[in-house]
């Protein structure tokens, strides 16, 4: 309701009463002054709150400490599971079950034929069948492996791109493998047991 509407309402109400010279104008002026003071107080409070936030946020006051993200881990043992439909080429069962690790981006699967060991066990290979979800331009599958971000990389190459391979790594542990084939990339973490 606007001040003019209030003034009109007060005049009508006062005219119905037997009150002489009701101080309508005085009441309206007082109401307007109070409304202005209220608005000024609200604006001043808002400006003060914005100023406090502007000072405290750059200082980091009021922030909750952010815990560092946990490093991705490897599964100690990769249990057999039904392969994704796109990774079943060459398998005869309608729903083949094999141990596999899916890339972080879901672009590649590392199908494991037995536990991976470092060094490889005598008479065994660290056989991994790499299956890409979508075809890529021809070229090798390049593997850059690290046990931690600070370690120097270990580089391996699978000629011809994703497919059968034997990937040996120098020490046991959880390895992060950054993969590149054609224009595609993905990351897989694999656990190598002591051989």
N, C-alpha and C. Protein backbone atom coordinates (compact mmCIF):
# COMPACT_ATOMS: atom_id res chain seq x y z
N UNK A 1 0.83 -1.15 0.00
CA UNK A 1 0.00 0.00 0.00
C UNK A 1 0.90 1.24 0.00
N UNK A 2 0.59 2.18 -0.89
CA UNK A 2 1.40 3.39 -1.01
C UNK A 2 1.01 4.40 0.07
N UNK A 3 1.90 5.36 0.33
CA UNK A 3 1.57 6.40 1.32
C UNK A 3 0.30 7.16 0.95
N UNK A 4 0.06 7.43 -0.32
CA UNK A 4 -1.16 8.15 -0.73
C UNK A 4 -2.40 7.32 -0.43
N UNK A 5 -2.31 6.01 -0.66
CA UNK A 5 -3.45 5.14 -0.36
C UNK A 5 -3.72 5.12 1.15
N UNK A 6 -2.66 5.12 1.94
CA UNK A 6 -2.82 5.15 3.39
C UNK A 6 -3.47 6.46 3.82
N UNK A 7 -3.01 7.57 3.24
CA UNK A 7 -3.57 8.88 3.57
C UNK A 7 -5.06 8.94 3.25
N UNK A 8 -5.44 8.43 2.09
CA UNK A 8 -6.86 8.42 1.70
C UNK A 8 -7.67 7.56 2.65
N UNK A 9 -7.15 6.40 3.00
CA UNK A 9 -7.84 5.50 3.92
C UNK A 9 -8.04 6.16 5.29
N UNK A 10 -7.01 6.84 5.79
CA UNK A 10 -7.11 7.52 7.09
C UNK A 10 -8.13 8.65 7.03
N UNK A 11 -8.15 9.39 5.95
CA UNK A 11 -9.13 10.49 5.81
C UNK A 11 -10.55 9.95 5.83
N UNK A 12 -10.76 8.84 5.09
CA UNK A 12 -12.11 8.25 5.06
C UNK A 12 -12.52 7.77 6.45
N UNK A 13 -11.57 7.11 7.14
CA UNK A 13 -11.87 6.60 8.47
C UNK A 13 -12.14 7.75 9.43
N UNK A 14 -11.34 8.80 9.36
CA UNK A 14 -11.52 9.95 10.26
C UNK A 14 -12.81 10.69 9.96
N UNK A 15 -13.22 10.73 8.72
CA UNK A 15 -14.45 11.46 8.38
C UNK A 15 -15.67 10.73 8.93
N UNK A 16 -15.59 9.42 9.12
CA UNK A 16 -16.71 8.66 9.66
C UNK A 16 -16.80 8.78 11.17
N UNK A 17 -15.76 9.29 11.81
CA UNK A 17 -15.75 9.43 13.27
C UNK A 17 -16.11 10.86 13.63
N UNK A 18 -16.55 11.01 14.83
CA UNK A 18 -16.89 12.35 15.27
C UNK A 18 -15.66 12.96 15.93
N UNK A 19 -14.61 13.09 15.13
CA UNK A 19 -13.36 13.66 15.63
C UNK A 19 -13.07 14.90 14.81
N UNK A 20 -12.86 15.99 15.51
CA UNK A 20 -12.58 17.22 14.78
C UNK A 20 -11.11 17.33 14.48
N UNK A 21 -10.87 17.74 13.29
CA UNK A 21 -9.49 18.00 12.85
C UNK A 21 -8.55 16.85 13.22
N UNK A 22 -8.88 15.64 12.75
CA UNK A 22 -8.01 14.49 12.99
C UNK A 22 -6.65 14.77 12.36
N UNK A 23 -5.56 14.45 13.03
CA UNK A 23 -4.21 14.79 12.53
C UNK A 23 -3.77 13.82 11.43
N UNK A 24 -4.55 13.71 10.38
CA UNK A 24 -4.26 12.77 9.29
C UNK A 24 -2.91 13.08 8.65
N UNK A 25 -2.70 14.34 8.33
CA UNK A 25 -1.45 14.70 7.66
C UNK A 25 -0.24 14.40 8.55
N UNK A 26 -0.37 14.67 9.82
CA UNK A 26 0.72 14.39 10.76
C UNK A 26 1.00 12.89 10.83
N UNK A 27 -0.06 12.10 10.88
CA UNK A 27 0.11 10.63 10.93
C UNK A 27 0.80 10.14 9.67
N UNK A 28 0.39 10.65 8.51
CA UNK A 28 0.99 10.23 7.24
C UNK A 28 2.46 10.63 7.20
N UNK A 29 2.76 11.87 7.62
CA UNK A 29 4.17 12.32 7.61
C UNK A 29 5.02 11.44 8.52
N UNK A 30 4.50 11.13 9.71
CA UNK A 30 5.24 10.28 10.65
C UNK A 30 5.47 8.89 10.05
N UNK A 31 4.44 8.35 9.41
CA UNK A 31 4.58 7.03 8.78
C UNK A 31 5.62 7.04 7.67
N UNK A 32 5.62 8.12 6.89
CA UNK A 32 6.62 8.23 5.81
C UNK A 32 8.04 8.32 6.37
N UNK A 33 8.21 9.12 7.46
CA UNK A 33 9.54 9.24 8.07
C UNK A 33 10.02 7.88 8.59
N UNK A 34 9.12 7.17 9.25
CA UNK A 34 9.49 5.84 9.78
C UNK A 34 9.85 4.88 8.65
N UNK A 35 9.08 4.93 7.57
CA UNK A 35 9.37 4.05 6.42
C UNK A 35 10.73 4.37 5.84
N UNK A 36 11.05 5.69 5.71
CA UNK A 36 12.37 6.08 5.19
C UNK A 36 13.49 5.60 6.11
N UNK A 37 13.28 5.76 7.43
CA UNK A 37 14.31 5.31 8.39
C UNK A 37 14.52 3.80 8.28
N UNK A 38 13.41 3.08 8.16
CA UNK A 38 13.51 1.62 8.04
C UNK A 38 14.30 1.24 6.78
N UNK A 39 14.01 1.89 5.66
CA UNK A 39 14.72 1.59 4.40
C UNK A 39 16.20 1.94 4.53
N UNK A 40 16.49 3.12 5.12
CA UNK A 40 17.89 3.52 5.31
C UNK A 40 18.61 2.50 6.20
N UNK A 41 17.96 2.05 7.27
CA UNK A 41 18.58 1.06 8.17
C UNK A 41 18.82 -0.27 7.45
N UNK A 42 17.86 -0.69 6.63
CA UNK A 42 18.03 -1.94 5.88
C UNK A 42 19.17 -1.83 4.87
N UNK A 43 19.23 -0.72 4.16
CA UNK A 43 20.31 -0.52 3.18
C UNK A 43 21.66 -0.48 3.89
N UNK A 44 21.73 0.24 5.01
CA UNK A 44 22.98 0.33 5.77
C UNK A 44 23.41 -1.05 6.27
N UNK A 45 22.46 -1.84 6.75
CA UNK A 45 22.78 -3.19 7.22
C UNK A 45 23.28 -4.07 6.09
N UNK A 46 22.65 -3.97 4.94
CA UNK A 46 23.09 -4.77 3.78
C UNK A 46 24.49 -4.36 3.34
N UNK A 47 24.75 -3.05 3.27
CA UNK A 47 26.08 -2.57 2.87
C UNK A 47 27.13 -3.05 3.87
N UNK A 48 26.82 -2.99 5.17
CA UNK A 48 27.77 -3.44 6.18
C UNK A 48 28.05 -4.94 6.04
N UNK A 49 27.01 -5.73 5.80
CA UNK A 49 27.20 -7.19 5.65
C UNK A 49 28.06 -7.50 4.42
N UNK A 50 27.80 -6.80 3.31
CA UNK A 50 28.60 -7.02 2.09
C UNK A 50 30.05 -6.63 2.35
N UNK A 51 30.28 -5.54 3.07
CA UNK A 51 31.65 -5.11 3.37
C UNK A 51 32.38 -6.14 4.22
N UNK A 52 31.70 -6.69 5.21
CA UNK A 52 32.32 -7.71 6.07
C UNK A 52 32.68 -8.93 5.24
N UNK A 53 31.77 -9.38 4.41
CA UNK A 53 32.05 -10.55 3.56
C UNK A 53 33.21 -10.26 2.62
N UNK A 54 33.22 -9.05 2.03
CA UNK A 54 34.29 -8.70 1.09
C UNK A 54 35.66 -8.71 1.76
N UNK A 55 35.71 -8.39 3.05
CA UNK A 55 36.98 -8.41 3.77
C UNK A 55 37.35 -9.82 4.21
N UNK A 56 36.39 -10.59 4.71
CA UNK A 56 36.69 -11.90 5.29
C UNK A 56 36.92 -13.00 4.26
N UNK A 57 36.22 -12.97 3.15
CA UNK A 57 36.37 -14.06 2.17
C UNK A 57 37.79 -14.15 1.64
N UNK A 58 38.41 -13.03 1.21
CA UNK A 58 39.81 -13.18 0.73
C UNK A 58 40.76 -13.69 1.81
N UNK A 59 40.43 -13.42 3.07
CA UNK A 59 41.28 -13.89 4.16
C UNK A 59 41.05 -15.36 4.49
N UNK A 60 40.00 -15.93 3.92
CA UNK A 60 39.71 -17.33 4.17
C UNK A 60 39.01 -17.58 5.49
N UNK A 61 38.56 -16.52 6.15
CA UNK A 61 37.87 -16.69 7.43
C UNK A 61 36.48 -17.23 7.17
N UNK A 62 36.10 -18.23 7.91
CA UNK A 62 34.78 -18.83 7.75
C UNK A 62 34.78 -20.04 6.84
N UNK A 63 35.89 -20.28 6.19
CA UNK A 63 35.96 -21.46 5.33
C UNK A 63 36.20 -22.69 6.17
N UNK A 64 35.59 -23.76 5.76
CA UNK A 64 35.90 -25.03 6.39
C UNK A 64 37.16 -25.56 5.74
N UNK A 65 38.05 -26.16 6.51
CA UNK A 65 39.24 -26.72 5.87
C UNK A 65 38.84 -27.83 4.91
N UNK A 66 39.48 -27.83 3.78
CA UNK A 66 39.19 -28.83 2.76
C UNK A 66 40.24 -29.93 2.87
N UNK A 67 39.77 -31.12 3.10
CA UNK A 67 40.69 -32.25 3.19
C UNK A 67 41.20 -32.58 1.80
N UNK A 68 42.46 -32.93 1.67
CA UNK A 68 42.97 -33.29 0.35
C UNK A 68 42.23 -34.52 -0.16
N UNK A 69 42.05 -34.56 -1.47
CA UNK A 69 41.36 -35.70 -2.07
C UNK A 69 42.20 -36.95 -1.86
N UNK A 70 41.52 -38.03 -1.56
CA UNK A 70 42.23 -39.30 -1.39
C UNK A 70 42.78 -39.76 -2.74
N UNK A 71 43.98 -40.25 -2.71
CA UNK A 71 44.57 -40.75 -3.94
C UNK A 71 43.78 -41.97 -4.41
N UNK A 72 43.55 -42.07 -5.71
CA UNK A 72 42.84 -43.25 -6.22
C UNK A 72 43.63 -44.50 -5.86
N UNK A 73 42.92 -45.56 -5.61
CA UNK A 73 43.58 -46.79 -5.20
C UNK A 73 43.28 -47.91 -6.18
N UNK A 74 44.05 -48.94 -6.06
CA UNK A 74 43.84 -50.15 -6.86
C UNK A 74 43.08 -51.17 -6.03
N UNK A 75 42.31 -51.98 -6.70
CA UNK A 75 41.69 -53.10 -6.02
C UNK A 75 42.78 -54.13 -5.73
N UNK A 76 42.81 -54.62 -4.50
CA UNK A 76 43.83 -55.63 -4.14
C UNK A 76 43.68 -56.85 -5.04
N UNK A 77 42.44 -57.21 -5.31
CA UNK A 77 42.16 -58.34 -6.20
C UNK A 77 40.98 -57.93 -7.07
N UNK A 78 41.10 -58.20 -8.36
CA UNK A 78 40.03 -57.86 -9.29
C UNK A 78 39.17 -59.10 -9.47
N UNK A 79 37.94 -59.02 -8.97
CA UNK A 79 37.03 -60.16 -9.06
C UNK A 79 36.46 -60.27 -10.47
N UNK A 80 36.21 -61.49 -10.94
CA UNK A 80 35.58 -61.64 -12.25
C UNK A 80 34.18 -61.01 -12.25
N UNK A 81 33.83 -60.42 -13.36
CA UNK A 81 32.51 -59.81 -13.54
C UNK A 81 32.14 -59.92 -15.02
N UNK A 82 30.86 -59.77 -15.32
CA UNK A 82 30.41 -59.82 -16.72
C UNK A 82 31.00 -58.63 -17.45
N UNK A 83 31.63 -58.91 -18.58
CA UNK A 83 32.25 -57.84 -19.36
C UNK A 83 31.19 -56.91 -19.95
N UNK A 84 31.54 -55.63 -20.12
CA UNK A 84 30.61 -54.73 -20.82
C UNK A 84 30.36 -55.26 -22.23
N UNK A 85 29.18 -55.00 -22.77
CA UNK A 85 28.83 -55.52 -24.10
C UNK A 85 29.87 -55.15 -25.14
N UNK A 86 30.38 -53.95 -25.09
CA UNK A 86 31.33 -53.48 -26.10
C UNK A 86 32.71 -54.15 -25.96
N UNK A 87 32.96 -54.87 -24.86
CA UNK A 87 34.26 -55.51 -24.64
C UNK A 87 34.21 -57.03 -24.84
N UNK A 88 33.13 -57.55 -25.43
CA UNK A 88 32.94 -59.01 -25.52
C UNK A 88 33.42 -59.63 -26.82
N UNK A 89 33.87 -58.85 -27.77
CA UNK A 89 34.31 -59.40 -29.05
C UNK A 89 35.38 -60.46 -28.83
N UNK A 90 35.19 -61.61 -29.47
CA UNK A 90 36.16 -62.70 -29.36
C UNK A 90 35.83 -63.71 -28.27
N UNK A 91 34.91 -63.39 -27.38
CA UNK A 91 34.50 -64.32 -26.34
C UNK A 91 33.27 -65.08 -26.84
N UNK A 92 33.20 -66.38 -26.55
CA UNK A 92 32.09 -67.19 -27.08
C UNK A 92 30.85 -67.18 -26.19
N UNK A 93 31.01 -67.03 -24.90
CA UNK A 93 29.84 -67.03 -24.00
C UNK A 93 29.02 -65.75 -24.25
N UNK A 94 27.69 -65.84 -24.12
CA UNK A 94 26.88 -64.64 -24.35
C UNK A 94 27.14 -63.54 -23.32
N UNK A 95 27.47 -63.91 -22.09
CA UNK A 95 27.82 -62.94 -21.05
C UNK A 95 29.12 -63.38 -20.39
N UNK A 96 30.25 -63.16 -21.09
CA UNK A 96 31.53 -63.66 -20.56
C UNK A 96 31.90 -62.96 -19.24
N UNK A 97 32.47 -63.75 -18.34
CA UNK A 97 32.89 -63.25 -17.03
C UNK A 97 34.41 -63.35 -16.94
N UNK A 98 35.03 -62.21 -16.69
CA UNK A 98 36.49 -62.12 -16.58
C UNK A 98 36.83 -61.02 -15.58
N UNK A 99 38.02 -61.11 -14.95
CA UNK A 99 38.47 -59.97 -14.15
C UNK A 99 38.83 -58.82 -15.12
N UNK A 100 38.31 -57.64 -14.87
CA UNK A 100 38.68 -56.50 -15.71
C UNK A 100 38.60 -55.22 -14.91
N UNK A 101 39.32 -54.21 -15.40
CA UNK A 101 39.31 -52.88 -14.80
C UNK A 101 38.91 -51.91 -15.90
N UNK A 102 37.89 -51.12 -15.62
CA UNK A 102 37.40 -50.14 -16.58
C UNK A 102 38.17 -48.84 -16.37
N UNK A 103 38.52 -48.18 -17.48
CA UNK A 103 39.20 -46.89 -17.40
C UNK A 103 38.33 -45.85 -16.70
N UNK A 104 38.96 -44.85 -16.10
CA UNK A 104 38.23 -43.80 -15.38
C UNK A 104 37.18 -43.14 -16.27
N UNK A 105 37.51 -42.95 -17.54
CA UNK A 105 36.59 -42.31 -18.47
C UNK A 105 35.64 -43.28 -19.14
N UNK A 106 35.82 -44.58 -18.88
CA UNK A 106 34.95 -45.59 -19.48
C UNK A 106 35.25 -45.85 -20.95
N UNK A 107 36.44 -45.43 -21.43
CA UNK A 107 36.79 -45.58 -22.85
C UNK A 107 37.54 -46.86 -23.16
N UNK A 108 38.03 -47.54 -22.12
CA UNK A 108 38.84 -48.74 -22.34
C UNK A 108 38.65 -49.69 -21.16
N UNK A 109 38.79 -50.98 -21.47
CA UNK A 109 38.77 -52.01 -20.42
C UNK A 109 40.09 -52.77 -20.48
N UNK A 110 40.66 -53.04 -19.30
CA UNK A 110 41.85 -53.88 -19.19
C UNK A 110 41.37 -55.23 -18.66
N UNK A 111 41.29 -56.22 -19.55
CA UNK A 111 40.83 -57.56 -19.16
C UNK A 111 42.07 -58.35 -18.74
N UNK A 112 42.04 -58.85 -17.51
CA UNK A 112 43.22 -59.49 -16.91
C UNK A 112 43.12 -61.01 -17.01
N UNK A 113 44.19 -61.61 -17.46
CA UNK A 113 44.28 -63.07 -17.55
C UNK A 113 45.19 -63.57 -16.45
N UNK A 114 44.71 -63.46 -15.22
CA UNK A 114 45.49 -63.87 -14.06
C UNK A 114 46.02 -62.66 -13.32
N UNK A 115 46.57 -62.89 -12.11
CA UNK A 115 47.10 -61.78 -11.33
C UNK A 115 48.34 -61.18 -11.99
N UNK A 116 48.50 -59.88 -11.84
CA UNK A 116 49.68 -59.20 -12.36
C UNK A 116 50.75 -59.23 -11.28
N UNK A 117 51.99 -59.56 -11.65
CA UNK A 117 53.07 -59.64 -10.67
C UNK A 117 54.30 -58.91 -11.18
N UNK A 118 55.12 -58.46 -10.23
CA UNK A 118 56.39 -57.84 -10.56
C UNK A 118 57.44 -58.37 -9.59
N UNK A 119 58.47 -59.03 -10.11
CA UNK A 119 58.63 -59.43 -11.51
C UNK A 119 57.62 -60.52 -11.87
N UNK A 120 57.43 -60.76 -13.17
CA UNK A 120 56.48 -61.80 -13.58
C UNK A 120 56.90 -63.15 -13.02
N UNK A 121 55.91 -63.95 -12.67
CA UNK A 121 56.21 -65.29 -12.17
C UNK A 121 56.80 -66.12 -13.31
N UNK A 122 57.71 -67.07 -12.99
CA UNK A 122 58.31 -67.89 -14.03
C UNK A 122 57.24 -68.64 -14.83
N UNK A 123 57.35 -68.61 -16.13
CA UNK A 123 56.42 -69.32 -17.00
C UNK A 123 55.09 -68.60 -17.18
N UNK A 124 54.95 -67.40 -16.65
CA UNK A 124 53.69 -66.64 -16.78
C UNK A 124 53.99 -65.25 -17.33
N UNK A 125 53.02 -64.73 -18.04
CA UNK A 125 53.10 -63.35 -18.52
C UNK A 125 52.05 -62.51 -17.81
N UNK A 126 52.29 -61.24 -17.74
CA UNK A 126 51.28 -60.31 -17.23
C UNK A 126 50.38 -59.92 -18.41
N UNK A 127 49.50 -60.86 -18.76
CA UNK A 127 48.69 -60.69 -19.96
C UNK A 127 47.48 -59.80 -19.67
N UNK A 128 47.36 -58.75 -20.48
CA UNK A 128 46.23 -57.81 -20.41
C UNK A 128 45.67 -57.67 -21.82
N UNK A 129 44.37 -57.87 -21.95
CA UNK A 129 43.69 -57.61 -23.22
C UNK A 129 43.05 -56.23 -23.09
N UNK A 130 43.54 -55.28 -23.88
CA UNK A 130 43.01 -53.93 -23.88
C UNK A 130 41.90 -53.85 -24.92
N UNK A 131 40.70 -53.45 -24.49
CA UNK A 131 39.57 -53.33 -25.42
C UNK A 131 39.05 -51.89 -25.35
N UNK A 132 39.12 -51.19 -26.48
CA UNK A 132 38.62 -49.82 -26.54
C UNK A 132 37.14 -49.82 -26.85
N UNK A 133 36.41 -48.92 -26.23
CA UNK A 133 34.96 -48.83 -26.44
C UNK A 133 34.65 -48.42 -27.87
N UNK A 134 35.42 -47.48 -28.41
CA UNK A 134 35.20 -46.99 -29.77
C UNK A 134 36.51 -47.06 -30.54
N UNK A 135 36.41 -47.29 -31.85
CA UNK A 135 37.65 -47.34 -32.64
C UNK A 135 38.36 -45.99 -32.64
N UNK A 136 39.65 -46.05 -32.87
CA UNK A 136 40.46 -44.83 -32.95
C UNK A 136 41.36 -44.96 -34.18
N UNK A 137 42.01 -43.86 -34.52
CA UNK A 137 42.92 -43.92 -35.66
C UNK A 137 44.05 -44.90 -35.36
N UNK A 138 44.62 -45.50 -36.40
CA UNK A 138 45.67 -46.52 -36.19
C UNK A 138 46.87 -45.95 -35.45
N UNK A 139 47.54 -46.82 -34.75
CA UNK A 139 48.74 -46.44 -34.02
C UNK A 139 48.86 -47.26 -32.76
N UNK A 140 49.97 -47.12 -32.06
CA UNK A 140 50.19 -47.92 -30.85
C UNK A 140 49.36 -47.42 -29.68
N UNK A 141 49.22 -48.28 -28.68
CA UNK A 141 48.67 -47.90 -27.38
C UNK A 141 49.88 -47.49 -26.54
N UNK A 142 49.95 -46.22 -26.17
CA UNK A 142 51.07 -45.71 -25.37
C UNK A 142 50.67 -45.71 -23.91
N UNK A 143 51.52 -46.30 -23.07
CA UNK A 143 51.24 -46.42 -21.63
C UNK A 143 52.31 -45.66 -20.87
N UNK A 144 51.87 -44.71 -20.05
CA UNK A 144 52.78 -44.00 -19.15
C UNK A 144 52.33 -44.38 -17.74
N UNK A 145 53.18 -45.15 -17.05
CA UNK A 145 52.80 -45.71 -15.74
C UNK A 145 53.61 -45.04 -14.63
N UNK A 146 52.93 -44.80 -13.50
CA UNK A 146 53.58 -44.22 -12.31
C UNK A 146 52.98 -44.86 -11.06
N UNK A 147 53.83 -45.05 -10.06
CA UNK A 147 53.30 -45.51 -8.76
C UNK A 147 52.82 -44.34 -7.94
N UNK A 148 53.45 -43.18 -8.10
CA UNK A 148 52.98 -41.95 -7.45
C UNK A 148 53.31 -40.81 -8.39
N UNK A 149 52.63 -39.67 -8.22
CA UNK A 149 52.87 -38.55 -9.13
C UNK A 149 54.33 -38.07 -9.14
N UNK A 150 55.06 -38.31 -8.04
CA UNK A 150 56.45 -37.85 -7.95
C UNK A 150 57.44 -38.81 -8.62
N UNK A 151 57.01 -40.04 -8.88
CA UNK A 151 57.91 -41.03 -9.48
C UNK A 151 58.14 -40.72 -10.95
N UNK A 152 59.33 -41.08 -11.44
CA UNK A 152 59.55 -40.94 -12.89
C UNK A 152 58.64 -41.93 -13.63
N UNK A 153 58.18 -41.56 -14.81
CA UNK A 153 57.27 -42.45 -15.53
C UNK A 153 57.99 -43.68 -16.10
N UNK A 154 57.24 -44.75 -16.19
CA UNK A 154 57.69 -45.96 -16.89
C UNK A 154 56.83 -46.03 -18.14
N UNK A 155 57.47 -46.09 -19.30
CA UNK A 155 56.74 -46.03 -20.57
C UNK A 155 56.74 -47.41 -21.22
N UNK A 156 55.56 -47.81 -21.66
CA UNK A 156 55.39 -49.07 -22.40
C UNK A 156 54.57 -48.76 -23.65
N UNK A 157 54.69 -49.64 -24.64
CA UNK A 157 53.95 -49.45 -25.89
C UNK A 157 53.39 -50.79 -26.35
N UNK A 158 52.13 -50.77 -26.76
CA UNK A 158 51.49 -51.95 -27.35
C UNK A 158 51.33 -51.64 -28.84
N UNK A 159 52.16 -52.28 -29.69
CA UNK A 159 52.07 -52.00 -31.12
C UNK A 159 50.67 -52.31 -31.65
N UNK A 160 50.20 -51.48 -32.56
CA UNK A 160 48.89 -51.73 -33.17
C UNK A 160 47.71 -51.23 -32.36
N UNK A 161 47.94 -50.66 -31.19
CA UNK A 161 46.85 -50.12 -30.40
C UNK A 161 46.28 -51.12 -29.43
N UNK A 162 45.10 -50.83 -28.87
CA UNK A 162 44.49 -51.75 -27.90
C UNK A 162 44.34 -53.15 -28.49
N UNK A 163 44.64 -54.14 -27.66
CA UNK A 163 44.59 -55.55 -28.06
C UNK A 163 45.35 -56.35 -27.02
N UNK A 164 45.77 -57.57 -27.38
CA UNK A 164 46.51 -58.39 -26.41
C UNK A 164 47.89 -57.80 -26.12
N UNK A 165 48.32 -57.93 -24.86
CA UNK A 165 49.63 -57.41 -24.51
C UNK A 165 50.15 -58.13 -23.28
N UNK A 166 51.43 -57.95 -23.04
CA UNK A 166 52.07 -58.34 -21.80
C UNK A 166 52.71 -57.09 -21.23
N UNK A 167 52.21 -56.58 -20.12
CA UNK A 167 52.73 -55.33 -19.57
C UNK A 167 53.42 -55.62 -18.25
N UNK A 168 54.75 -55.59 -18.29
CA UNK A 168 55.55 -55.80 -17.08
C UNK A 168 55.98 -54.44 -16.54
N UNK A 169 55.89 -54.28 -15.21
CA UNK A 169 56.33 -53.05 -14.56
C UNK A 169 57.40 -53.40 -13.53
N UNK A 170 58.29 -52.45 -13.22
CA UNK A 170 59.51 -52.78 -12.47
C UNK A 170 59.34 -53.15 -11.00
N UNK A 171 58.27 -52.71 -10.34
CA UNK A 171 58.12 -53.02 -8.92
C UNK A 171 56.66 -53.31 -8.60
N UNK A 172 56.41 -54.08 -7.53
CA UNK A 172 55.02 -54.31 -7.13
C UNK A 172 54.39 -53.03 -6.60
N UNK A 173 53.07 -53.00 -6.60
CA UNK A 173 52.33 -51.87 -6.05
C UNK A 173 51.20 -51.43 -6.96
N UNK A 174 50.56 -50.37 -6.53
CA UNK A 174 49.45 -49.80 -7.28
C UNK A 174 50.00 -48.84 -8.33
N UNK A 175 49.74 -49.14 -9.57
CA UNK A 175 50.25 -48.33 -10.67
C UNK A 175 49.10 -47.61 -11.36
N UNK A 176 49.33 -46.33 -11.67
CA UNK A 176 48.39 -45.55 -12.48
C UNK A 176 48.93 -45.53 -13.89
N UNK A 177 48.12 -46.04 -14.82
CA UNK A 177 48.53 -46.11 -16.22
C UNK A 177 47.72 -45.08 -17.01
N UNK A 178 48.42 -44.08 -17.54
CA UNK A 178 47.78 -43.12 -18.43
C UNK A 178 47.93 -43.68 -19.84
N UNK A 179 46.81 -43.85 -20.51
CA UNK A 179 46.78 -44.54 -21.80
C UNK A 179 46.43 -43.55 -22.91
N UNK A 180 47.08 -43.72 -24.06
CA UNK A 180 46.78 -42.90 -25.24
C UNK A 180 46.84 -43.79 -26.47
N UNK A 181 45.76 -43.79 -27.24
CA UNK A 181 45.73 -44.52 -28.51
C UNK A 181 44.97 -43.66 -29.50
N UNK A 182 45.59 -43.38 -30.63
CA UNK A 182 44.99 -42.46 -31.59
C UNK A 182 44.70 -41.15 -30.90
N UNK A 183 43.47 -40.67 -31.06
CA UNK A 183 43.07 -39.41 -30.41
C UNK A 183 42.39 -39.64 -29.07
N UNK A 184 42.40 -40.85 -28.58
CA UNK A 184 41.68 -41.20 -27.34
C UNK A 184 42.67 -41.33 -26.16
N UNK A 185 42.12 -41.07 -24.95
CA UNK A 185 42.91 -41.23 -23.72
C UNK A 185 42.01 -41.79 -22.61
N UNK A 186 42.65 -42.41 -21.63
CA UNK A 186 41.95 -42.87 -20.44
C UNK A 186 43.00 -43.21 -19.40
N UNK A 187 42.56 -43.50 -18.18
CA UNK A 187 43.47 -43.85 -17.09
C UNK A 187 42.95 -45.08 -16.38
N UNK A 188 43.87 -46.01 -16.10
CA UNK A 188 43.53 -47.25 -15.41
C UNK A 188 44.51 -47.44 -14.26
N UNK A 189 44.03 -47.96 -13.14
CA UNK A 189 44.90 -48.30 -12.02
C UNK A 189 44.94 -49.81 -11.87
N UNK A 190 46.15 -50.35 -11.85
CA UNK A 190 46.32 -51.80 -11.74
C UNK A 190 47.29 -52.12 -10.60
N UNK A 191 46.95 -53.18 -9.87
CA UNK A 191 47.79 -53.61 -8.75
C UNK A 191 48.71 -54.74 -9.21
N UNK A 192 50.00 -54.56 -9.04
CA UNK A 192 50.99 -55.60 -9.33
C UNK A 192 51.46 -56.17 -8.00
N UNK A 193 51.28 -57.47 -7.84
CA UNK A 193 51.68 -58.17 -6.62
C UNK A 193 53.16 -58.52 -6.68
N UNK A 194 53.79 -58.74 -5.53
CA UNK A 194 55.19 -59.22 -5.57
C UNK A 194 55.26 -60.56 -6.27
N UNK A 195 56.24 -60.71 -7.16
CA UNK A 195 56.39 -61.95 -7.94
C UNK A 195 57.27 -62.95 -7.26
